[in-house]
Amino acid sequence: MLLAEASARIERLEPHAAFEAVEAGASLVDIRSDVDREREGVVPGALHIPRTVLEWRFAGEPGWRNPYIGAVERQVVLICDHGYSSVFAAAALVDLGYRVADVVGGFEAWRAAGLPTAPGAIHRRAHGEPAGMRPPD
């Protein structure tokens, strides 16, 4: 029931449609963990903001908001592992005023569709470096 309610509040894009949205100017935000990205790979150009800090990076006070996000009017497409946690994350960003979609099937479906991926770079944050503040991959 919760998943259905959250899904009804967002746009759900199949991988190729998500790719087209990004090509047209949407921001792709990868909400997967560092470990999953290292193991499975990344989407080149995606902004990495882990799910655990997503709302902080989109609506946080100066210094906590990710400077690479862009204007609230710009469409945001979220991608997770399998396309479930991104539904809830996208619904949270809708509450913050963003126009948000997610990728049906997540990174797994993106890769299976033959869309661009790259090996996941190992990045260990320095002590005190907050998660989700780096530039796009």
N, C-alpha and C. Protein backbone atom coordinates (compact mmCIF):
# COMPACT_ATOMS: atom_id res chain seq x y z
N MET A 1 0.81 -1.19 0.00
CA MET A 1 0.00 0.00 0.00
C MET A 1 0.86 1.26 0.00
N LEU A 2 1.89 1.31 0.83
CA LEU A 2 2.77 2.49 0.85
C LEU A 2 3.47 2.70 -0.48
N LEU A 3 3.94 1.60 -1.08
CA LEU A 3 4.62 1.70 -2.37
C LEU A 3 3.67 2.23 -3.44
N ALA A 4 2.45 1.74 -3.46
CA ALA A 4 1.47 2.19 -4.45
C ALA A 4 1.14 3.67 -4.26
N GLU A 5 1.01 4.10 -3.01
CA GLU A 5 0.72 5.52 -2.74
C GLU A 5 1.87 6.40 -3.19
N ALA A 6 3.10 6.00 -2.90
CA ALA A 6 4.26 6.78 -3.31
C ALA A 6 4.40 6.79 -4.83
N SER A 7 4.17 5.64 -5.46
CA SER A 7 4.27 5.55 -6.93
C SER A 7 3.28 6.47 -7.62
N ALA A 8 2.11 6.63 -7.05
CA ALA A 8 1.08 7.47 -7.65
C ALA A 8 1.45 8.95 -7.63
N ARG A 9 2.42 9.32 -6.81
CA ARG A 9 2.80 10.73 -6.66
C ARG A 9 3.98 11.15 -7.54
N ILE A 10 4.57 10.17 -8.24
CA ILE A 10 5.77 10.45 -9.02
C ILE A 10 5.60 9.94 -10.45
N GLU A 11 6.55 10.30 -11.29
CA GLU A 11 6.60 9.74 -12.64
C GLU A 11 7.58 8.58 -12.61
N ARG A 12 7.18 7.44 -13.15
CA ARG A 12 8.05 6.27 -13.21
C ARG A 12 8.48 6.09 -14.65
N LEU A 13 9.78 6.08 -14.88
CA LEU A 13 10.32 6.00 -16.24
C LEU A 13 11.04 4.68 -16.47
N GLU A 14 10.73 4.04 -17.58
CA GLU A 14 11.51 2.88 -18.00
C GLU A 14 12.93 3.38 -18.30
N PRO A 15 13.93 2.51 -18.26
CA PRO A 15 15.32 2.96 -18.42
C PRO A 15 15.58 3.84 -19.65
N HIS A 16 15.08 3.47 -20.82
CA HIS A 16 15.36 4.28 -22.01
C HIS A 16 14.69 5.65 -21.92
N ALA A 17 13.50 5.71 -21.34
CA ALA A 17 12.83 7.01 -21.16
C ALA A 17 13.59 7.87 -20.14
N ALA A 18 14.14 7.24 -19.12
CA ALA A 18 14.94 7.97 -18.14
C ALA A 18 16.20 8.53 -18.81
N PHE A 19 16.84 7.71 -19.64
CA PHE A 19 18.03 8.16 -20.37
C PHE A 19 17.68 9.37 -21.24
N GLU A 20 16.55 9.30 -21.93
CA GLU A 20 16.12 10.43 -22.78
C GLU A 20 15.85 11.68 -21.95
N ALA A 21 15.27 11.52 -20.76
CA ALA A 21 15.02 12.66 -19.89
C ALA A 21 16.35 13.31 -19.47
N VAL A 22 17.33 12.48 -19.15
CA VAL A 22 18.65 13.01 -18.76
C VAL A 22 19.30 13.70 -19.95
N GLU A 23 19.20 13.11 -21.13
CA GLU A 23 19.75 13.74 -22.33
C GLU A 23 19.08 15.08 -22.61
N ALA A 24 17.82 15.23 -22.20
CA ALA A 24 17.08 16.48 -22.40
C ALA A 24 17.31 17.49 -21.29
N GLY A 25 18.13 17.12 -20.28
CA GLY A 25 18.49 18.09 -19.24
C GLY A 25 18.13 17.75 -17.82
N ALA A 26 17.46 16.62 -17.59
CA ALA A 26 17.15 16.22 -16.21
C ALA A 26 18.42 15.83 -15.49
N SER A 27 18.41 15.99 -14.17
CA SER A 27 19.53 15.54 -13.33
C SER A 27 19.29 14.09 -12.93
N LEU A 28 20.29 13.24 -13.14
CA LEU A 28 20.20 11.86 -12.68
C LEU A 28 20.91 11.76 -11.35
N VAL A 29 20.20 11.28 -10.33
CA VAL A 29 20.76 11.18 -8.98
C VAL A 29 20.73 9.73 -8.55
N ASP A 30 21.91 9.20 -8.26
CA ASP A 30 22.10 7.82 -7.82
C ASP A 30 22.03 7.80 -6.30
N ILE A 31 21.04 7.11 -5.74
CA ILE A 31 20.86 7.09 -4.29
C ILE A 31 21.40 5.82 -3.64
N ARG A 32 22.12 5.01 -4.41
CA ARG A 32 22.66 3.75 -3.88
C ARG A 32 23.81 4.01 -2.91
N SER A 33 24.14 3.00 -2.14
CA SER A 33 25.25 3.10 -1.20
C SER A 33 26.59 3.09 -1.94
N ASP A 34 27.62 3.56 -1.27
CA ASP A 34 28.97 3.52 -1.83
C ASP A 34 29.36 2.09 -2.20
N VAL A 35 29.01 1.14 -1.34
CA VAL A 35 29.38 -0.25 -1.56
C VAL A 35 28.73 -0.79 -2.83
N ASP A 36 27.45 -0.50 -3.02
CA ASP A 36 26.75 -0.97 -4.22
C ASP A 36 27.34 -0.35 -5.48
N ARG A 37 27.68 0.92 -5.41
CA ARG A 37 28.26 1.60 -6.57
C ARG A 37 29.64 1.03 -6.91
N GLU A 38 30.44 0.74 -5.90
CA GLU A 38 31.75 0.15 -6.13
C GLU A 38 31.62 -1.23 -6.75
N ARG A 39 30.68 -2.02 -6.26
CA ARG A 39 30.50 -3.40 -6.72
C ARG A 39 29.85 -3.47 -8.10
N GLU A 40 28.79 -2.69 -8.33
CA GLU A 40 27.99 -2.82 -9.55
C GLU A 40 28.35 -1.83 -10.65
N GLY A 41 28.93 -0.69 -10.30
CA GLY A 41 29.24 0.33 -11.28
C GLY A 41 28.37 1.56 -11.10
N VAL A 42 28.59 2.54 -11.96
CA VAL A 42 27.89 3.82 -11.88
C VAL A 42 27.37 4.21 -13.25
N VAL A 43 26.50 5.20 -13.26
CA VAL A 43 26.05 5.81 -14.50
C VAL A 43 26.88 7.08 -14.68
N PRO A 44 27.67 7.18 -15.75
CA PRO A 44 28.48 8.38 -15.95
C PRO A 44 27.60 9.65 -15.93
N GLY A 45 28.04 10.64 -15.21
CA GLY A 45 27.32 11.91 -15.13
C GLY A 45 26.29 11.99 -14.04
N ALA A 46 26.02 10.86 -13.36
CA ALA A 46 25.03 10.87 -12.27
C ALA A 46 25.63 11.54 -11.04
N LEU A 47 24.78 12.21 -10.32
CA LEU A 47 25.15 12.80 -9.05
C LEU A 47 24.88 11.76 -7.97
N HIS A 48 25.85 11.49 -7.11
CA HIS A 48 25.65 10.49 -6.07
C HIS A 48 25.25 11.17 -4.77
N ILE A 49 24.02 10.90 -4.36
CA ILE A 49 23.55 11.36 -3.06
C ILE A 49 22.88 10.17 -2.40
N PRO A 50 23.55 9.55 -1.42
CA PRO A 50 22.96 8.37 -0.78
C PRO A 50 21.57 8.66 -0.21
N ARG A 51 20.73 7.66 -0.21
CA ARG A 51 19.36 7.82 0.29
C ARG A 51 19.33 8.38 1.71
N THR A 52 20.30 8.02 2.51
CA THR A 52 20.31 8.43 3.92
C THR A 52 20.45 9.93 4.13
N VAL A 53 20.93 10.65 3.12
CA VAL A 53 21.10 12.11 3.26
C VAL A 53 20.38 12.89 2.17
N LEU A 54 19.51 12.24 1.43
CA LEU A 54 18.90 12.85 0.25
C LEU A 54 18.19 14.17 0.56
N GLU A 55 17.28 14.16 1.52
CA GLU A 55 16.53 15.38 1.83
C GLU A 55 17.44 16.51 2.29
N TRP A 56 18.47 16.19 3.05
CA TRP A 56 19.43 17.21 3.49
C TRP A 56 20.12 17.88 2.31
N ARG A 57 20.48 17.08 1.32
CA ARG A 57 21.23 17.62 0.19
C ARG A 57 20.35 18.41 -0.77
N PHE A 58 19.05 18.15 -0.77
CA PHE A 58 18.13 18.89 -1.64
C PHE A 58 17.53 20.11 -0.96
N ALA A 59 17.29 20.04 0.32
CA ALA A 59 16.58 21.15 0.98
C ALA A 59 17.33 21.70 2.18
N GLY A 60 18.51 21.21 2.40
CA GLY A 60 19.25 21.63 3.57
C GLY A 60 19.67 23.09 3.52
N GLU A 61 20.08 23.53 4.66
CA GLU A 61 20.61 24.89 4.79
C GLU A 61 21.89 25.02 3.98
N PRO A 62 22.28 26.25 3.65
CA PRO A 62 23.57 26.43 2.96
C PRO A 62 24.68 25.70 3.73
N GLY A 63 25.52 25.05 2.97
CA GLY A 63 26.57 24.23 3.57
C GLY A 63 26.18 22.77 3.67
N TRP A 64 24.89 22.48 3.69
CA TRP A 64 24.39 21.11 3.73
C TRP A 64 23.77 20.70 2.41
N ARG A 65 23.33 21.67 1.62
CA ARG A 65 22.71 21.40 0.32
C ARG A 65 23.81 21.14 -0.71
N ASN A 66 23.62 20.12 -1.54
CA ASN A 66 24.60 19.80 -2.58
C ASN A 66 24.59 20.91 -3.63
N PRO A 67 25.75 21.52 -3.91
CA PRO A 67 25.79 22.64 -4.84
C PRO A 67 25.58 22.26 -6.31
N TYR A 68 25.54 20.97 -6.61
CA TYR A 68 25.40 20.52 -8.00
C TYR A 68 23.96 20.16 -8.38
N ILE A 69 23.03 20.33 -7.50
CA ILE A 69 21.65 19.92 -7.73
C ILE A 69 20.95 20.76 -8.78
N GLY A 70 21.09 22.03 -8.74
CA GLY A 70 20.40 22.88 -9.70
C GLY A 70 19.08 23.39 -9.15
N ALA A 71 18.37 24.08 -9.98
CA ALA A 71 17.11 24.73 -9.59
C ALA A 71 16.01 23.71 -9.33
N VAL A 72 15.08 24.09 -8.48
CA VAL A 72 13.96 23.23 -8.14
C VAL A 72 13.10 22.90 -9.35
N GLU A 73 13.12 23.74 -10.37
CA GLU A 73 12.31 23.52 -11.57
C GLU A 73 12.89 22.41 -12.46
N ARG A 74 14.17 22.12 -12.32
CA ARG A 74 14.82 21.11 -13.15
C ARG A 74 14.34 19.72 -12.74
N GLN A 75 13.96 18.90 -13.71
CA GLN A 75 13.52 17.55 -13.40
C GLN A 75 14.67 16.75 -12.80
N VAL A 76 14.33 15.93 -11.82
CA VAL A 76 15.28 15.03 -11.17
C VAL A 76 14.81 13.60 -11.42
N VAL A 77 15.75 12.74 -11.82
CA VAL A 77 15.46 11.32 -12.01
C VAL A 77 16.33 10.56 -11.01
N LEU A 78 15.68 9.80 -10.14
CA LEU A 78 16.41 9.02 -9.15
C LEU A 78 16.59 7.58 -9.63
N ILE A 79 17.76 7.02 -9.28
CA ILE A 79 18.04 5.62 -9.60
C ILE A 79 18.59 4.95 -8.34
N CYS A 80 18.05 3.77 -8.06
CA CYS A 80 18.53 2.96 -6.93
C CYS A 80 18.94 1.59 -7.49
N ASP A 81 19.02 0.59 -6.64
CA ASP A 81 19.42 -0.74 -7.10
C ASP A 81 18.40 -1.40 -8.01
N HIS A 82 17.15 -1.51 -7.52
CA HIS A 82 16.13 -2.29 -8.22
C HIS A 82 14.84 -1.52 -8.50
N GLY A 83 14.79 -0.24 -8.14
CA GLY A 83 13.62 0.57 -8.45
C GLY A 83 12.55 0.58 -7.38
N TYR A 84 12.90 0.29 -6.14
CA TYR A 84 11.92 0.35 -5.06
C TYR A 84 12.20 1.50 -4.10
N SER A 85 13.41 1.58 -3.57
CA SER A 85 13.70 2.66 -2.63
C SER A 85 13.64 4.02 -3.32
N SER A 86 13.87 4.05 -4.62
CA SER A 86 13.78 5.32 -5.35
C SER A 86 12.36 5.85 -5.39
N VAL A 87 11.37 4.98 -5.29
CA VAL A 87 9.97 5.43 -5.28
C VAL A 87 9.71 6.28 -4.04
N PHE A 88 10.11 5.77 -2.88
CA PHE A 88 9.90 6.50 -1.63
C PHE A 88 10.74 7.77 -1.58
N ALA A 89 11.97 7.68 -2.08
CA ALA A 89 12.85 8.85 -2.11
C ALA A 89 12.27 9.94 -3.01
N ALA A 90 11.76 9.53 -4.17
CA ALA A 90 11.19 10.51 -5.11
C ALA A 90 9.96 11.18 -4.50
N ALA A 91 9.12 10.41 -3.81
CA ALA A 91 7.94 10.99 -3.16
C ALA A 91 8.36 12.03 -2.11
N ALA A 92 9.45 11.77 -1.40
CA ALA A 92 9.94 12.74 -0.42
C ALA A 92 10.39 14.03 -1.10
N LEU A 93 11.03 13.91 -2.26
CA LEU A 93 11.48 15.11 -2.97
C LEU A 93 10.30 15.88 -3.57
N VAL A 94 9.23 15.18 -3.94
CA VAL A 94 8.02 15.86 -4.40
C VAL A 94 7.50 16.76 -3.28
N ASP A 95 7.55 16.26 -2.05
CA ASP A 95 7.12 17.06 -0.90
C ASP A 95 7.95 18.32 -0.72
N LEU A 96 9.19 18.29 -1.22
CA LEU A 96 10.07 19.45 -1.14
C LEU A 96 9.91 20.39 -2.33
N GLY A 97 9.02 20.04 -3.26
CA GLY A 97 8.73 20.92 -4.39
C GLY A 97 9.42 20.56 -5.69
N TYR A 98 10.14 19.45 -5.73
CA TYR A 98 10.85 19.06 -6.94
C TYR A 98 9.95 18.26 -7.88
N ARG A 99 10.28 18.32 -9.16
CA ARG A 99 9.62 17.51 -10.20
C ARG A 99 10.50 16.26 -10.35
N VAL A 100 10.01 15.13 -9.85
CA VAL A 100 10.84 13.95 -9.69
C VAL A 100 10.25 12.73 -10.38
N ALA A 101 11.15 11.94 -10.96
CA ALA A 101 10.81 10.64 -11.52
C ALA A 101 11.82 9.64 -10.98
N ASP A 102 11.54 8.37 -11.20
CA ASP A 102 12.54 7.36 -10.86
C ASP A 102 12.64 6.37 -12.02
N VAL A 103 13.67 5.54 -11.95
CA VAL A 103 13.92 4.55 -13.00
C VAL A 103 13.30 3.22 -12.57
N VAL A 104 12.33 2.75 -13.33
CA VAL A 104 11.70 1.45 -13.07
C VAL A 104 12.78 0.37 -13.21
N GLY A 105 12.95 -0.42 -12.18
CA GLY A 105 13.95 -1.49 -12.21
C GLY A 105 15.33 -1.05 -11.77
N GLY A 106 15.52 0.25 -11.54
CA GLY A 106 16.77 0.77 -11.01
C GLY A 106 17.99 0.53 -11.89
N PHE A 107 19.15 0.53 -11.24
CA PHE A 107 20.42 0.36 -11.94
C PHE A 107 20.47 -0.99 -12.67
N GLU A 108 19.88 -2.00 -12.05
CA GLU A 108 19.88 -3.32 -12.68
C GLU A 108 19.20 -3.27 -14.05
N ALA A 109 18.07 -2.61 -14.13
CA ALA A 109 17.34 -2.50 -15.41
C ALA A 109 18.06 -1.57 -16.38
N TRP A 110 18.66 -0.52 -15.86
CA TRP A 110 19.44 0.43 -16.69
C TRP A 110 20.56 -0.33 -17.40
N ARG A 111 21.31 -1.10 -16.63
CA ARG A 111 22.42 -1.87 -17.20
C ARG A 111 21.92 -2.92 -18.18
N ALA A 112 20.84 -3.64 -17.81
CA ALA A 112 20.27 -4.67 -18.69
C ALA A 112 19.77 -4.08 -20.00
N ALA A 113 19.37 -2.80 -20.00
CA ALA A 113 18.90 -2.13 -21.21
C ALA A 113 20.05 -1.69 -22.11
N GLY A 114 21.29 -1.91 -21.65
CA GLY A 114 22.46 -1.54 -22.45
C GLY A 114 22.78 -0.06 -22.41
N LEU A 115 22.27 0.63 -21.40
CA LEU A 115 22.56 2.07 -21.27
C LEU A 115 23.93 2.28 -20.63
N PRO A 116 24.50 3.48 -20.77
CA PRO A 116 25.88 3.71 -20.30
C PRO A 116 26.09 3.44 -18.81
N THR A 117 27.14 2.69 -18.54
CA THR A 117 27.61 2.47 -17.17
C THR A 117 29.13 2.52 -17.20
N ALA A 118 29.70 2.62 -16.03
CA ALA A 118 31.16 2.62 -15.90
C ALA A 118 31.49 1.89 -14.60
N PRO A 119 32.71 1.37 -14.51
CA PRO A 119 33.12 0.74 -13.25
C PRO A 119 32.99 1.75 -12.11
N GLY A 120 32.61 1.24 -10.95
CA GLY A 120 32.46 2.11 -9.78
C GLY A 120 33.82 2.45 -9.20
N ALA A 121 34.12 3.71 -9.14
CA ALA A 121 35.38 4.16 -8.55
C ALA A 121 35.28 4.04 -7.03
N ILE A 122 36.36 3.68 -6.43
CA ILE A 122 36.39 3.58 -4.98
C ILE A 122 36.74 4.96 -4.44
N HIS A 123 35.81 5.51 -3.70
CA HIS A 123 36.04 6.81 -3.06
C HIS A 123 35.76 6.66 -1.58
N ARG A 124 36.74 6.88 -0.80
CA ARG A 124 36.57 6.86 0.65
C ARG A 124 36.55 8.31 1.13
N ARG A 125 35.44 8.68 1.75
CA ARG A 125 35.33 10.05 2.25
C ARG A 125 36.35 10.29 3.34
N ALA A 126 36.89 11.48 3.34
CA ALA A 126 37.82 11.88 4.39
C ALA A 126 37.04 12.08 5.69
N HIS A 127 37.71 11.98 6.79
CA HIS A 127 37.08 12.22 8.08
C HIS A 127 36.43 13.61 8.07
N GLY A 128 35.18 13.67 8.38
CA GLY A 128 34.47 14.95 8.41
C GLY A 128 33.84 15.35 7.08
N GLU A 129 34.16 14.64 5.99
CA GLU A 129 33.56 14.96 4.69
C GLU A 129 32.15 14.40 4.65
N PRO A 130 31.15 15.25 4.45
CA PRO A 130 29.77 14.74 4.44
C PRO A 130 29.46 13.95 3.17
N ALA A 131 28.60 12.96 3.31
CA ALA A 131 28.16 12.16 2.17
C ALA A 131 27.28 13.00 1.26
N GLY A 132 27.32 12.70 -0.04
CA GLY A 132 26.42 13.32 -0.98
C GLY A 132 26.75 14.72 -1.40
N MET A 133 28.00 15.13 -1.30
CA MET A 133 28.38 16.50 -1.65
C MET A 133 29.35 16.56 -2.82
N ARG A 134 29.71 15.43 -3.38
CA ARG A 134 30.69 15.41 -4.47
C ARG A 134 30.04 15.81 -5.80
N PRO A 135 30.84 16.19 -6.78
CA PRO A 135 30.30 16.50 -8.11
C PRO A 135 29.83 15.23 -8.82
N PRO A 136 29.14 15.37 -9.96
CA PRO A 136 28.69 14.18 -10.68
C PRO A 136 29.83 13.25 -11.09
N ASP A 137 29.49 11.96 -11.24
CA ASP A 137 30.46 10.94 -11.66
C ASP A 137 30.97 11.25 -13.07
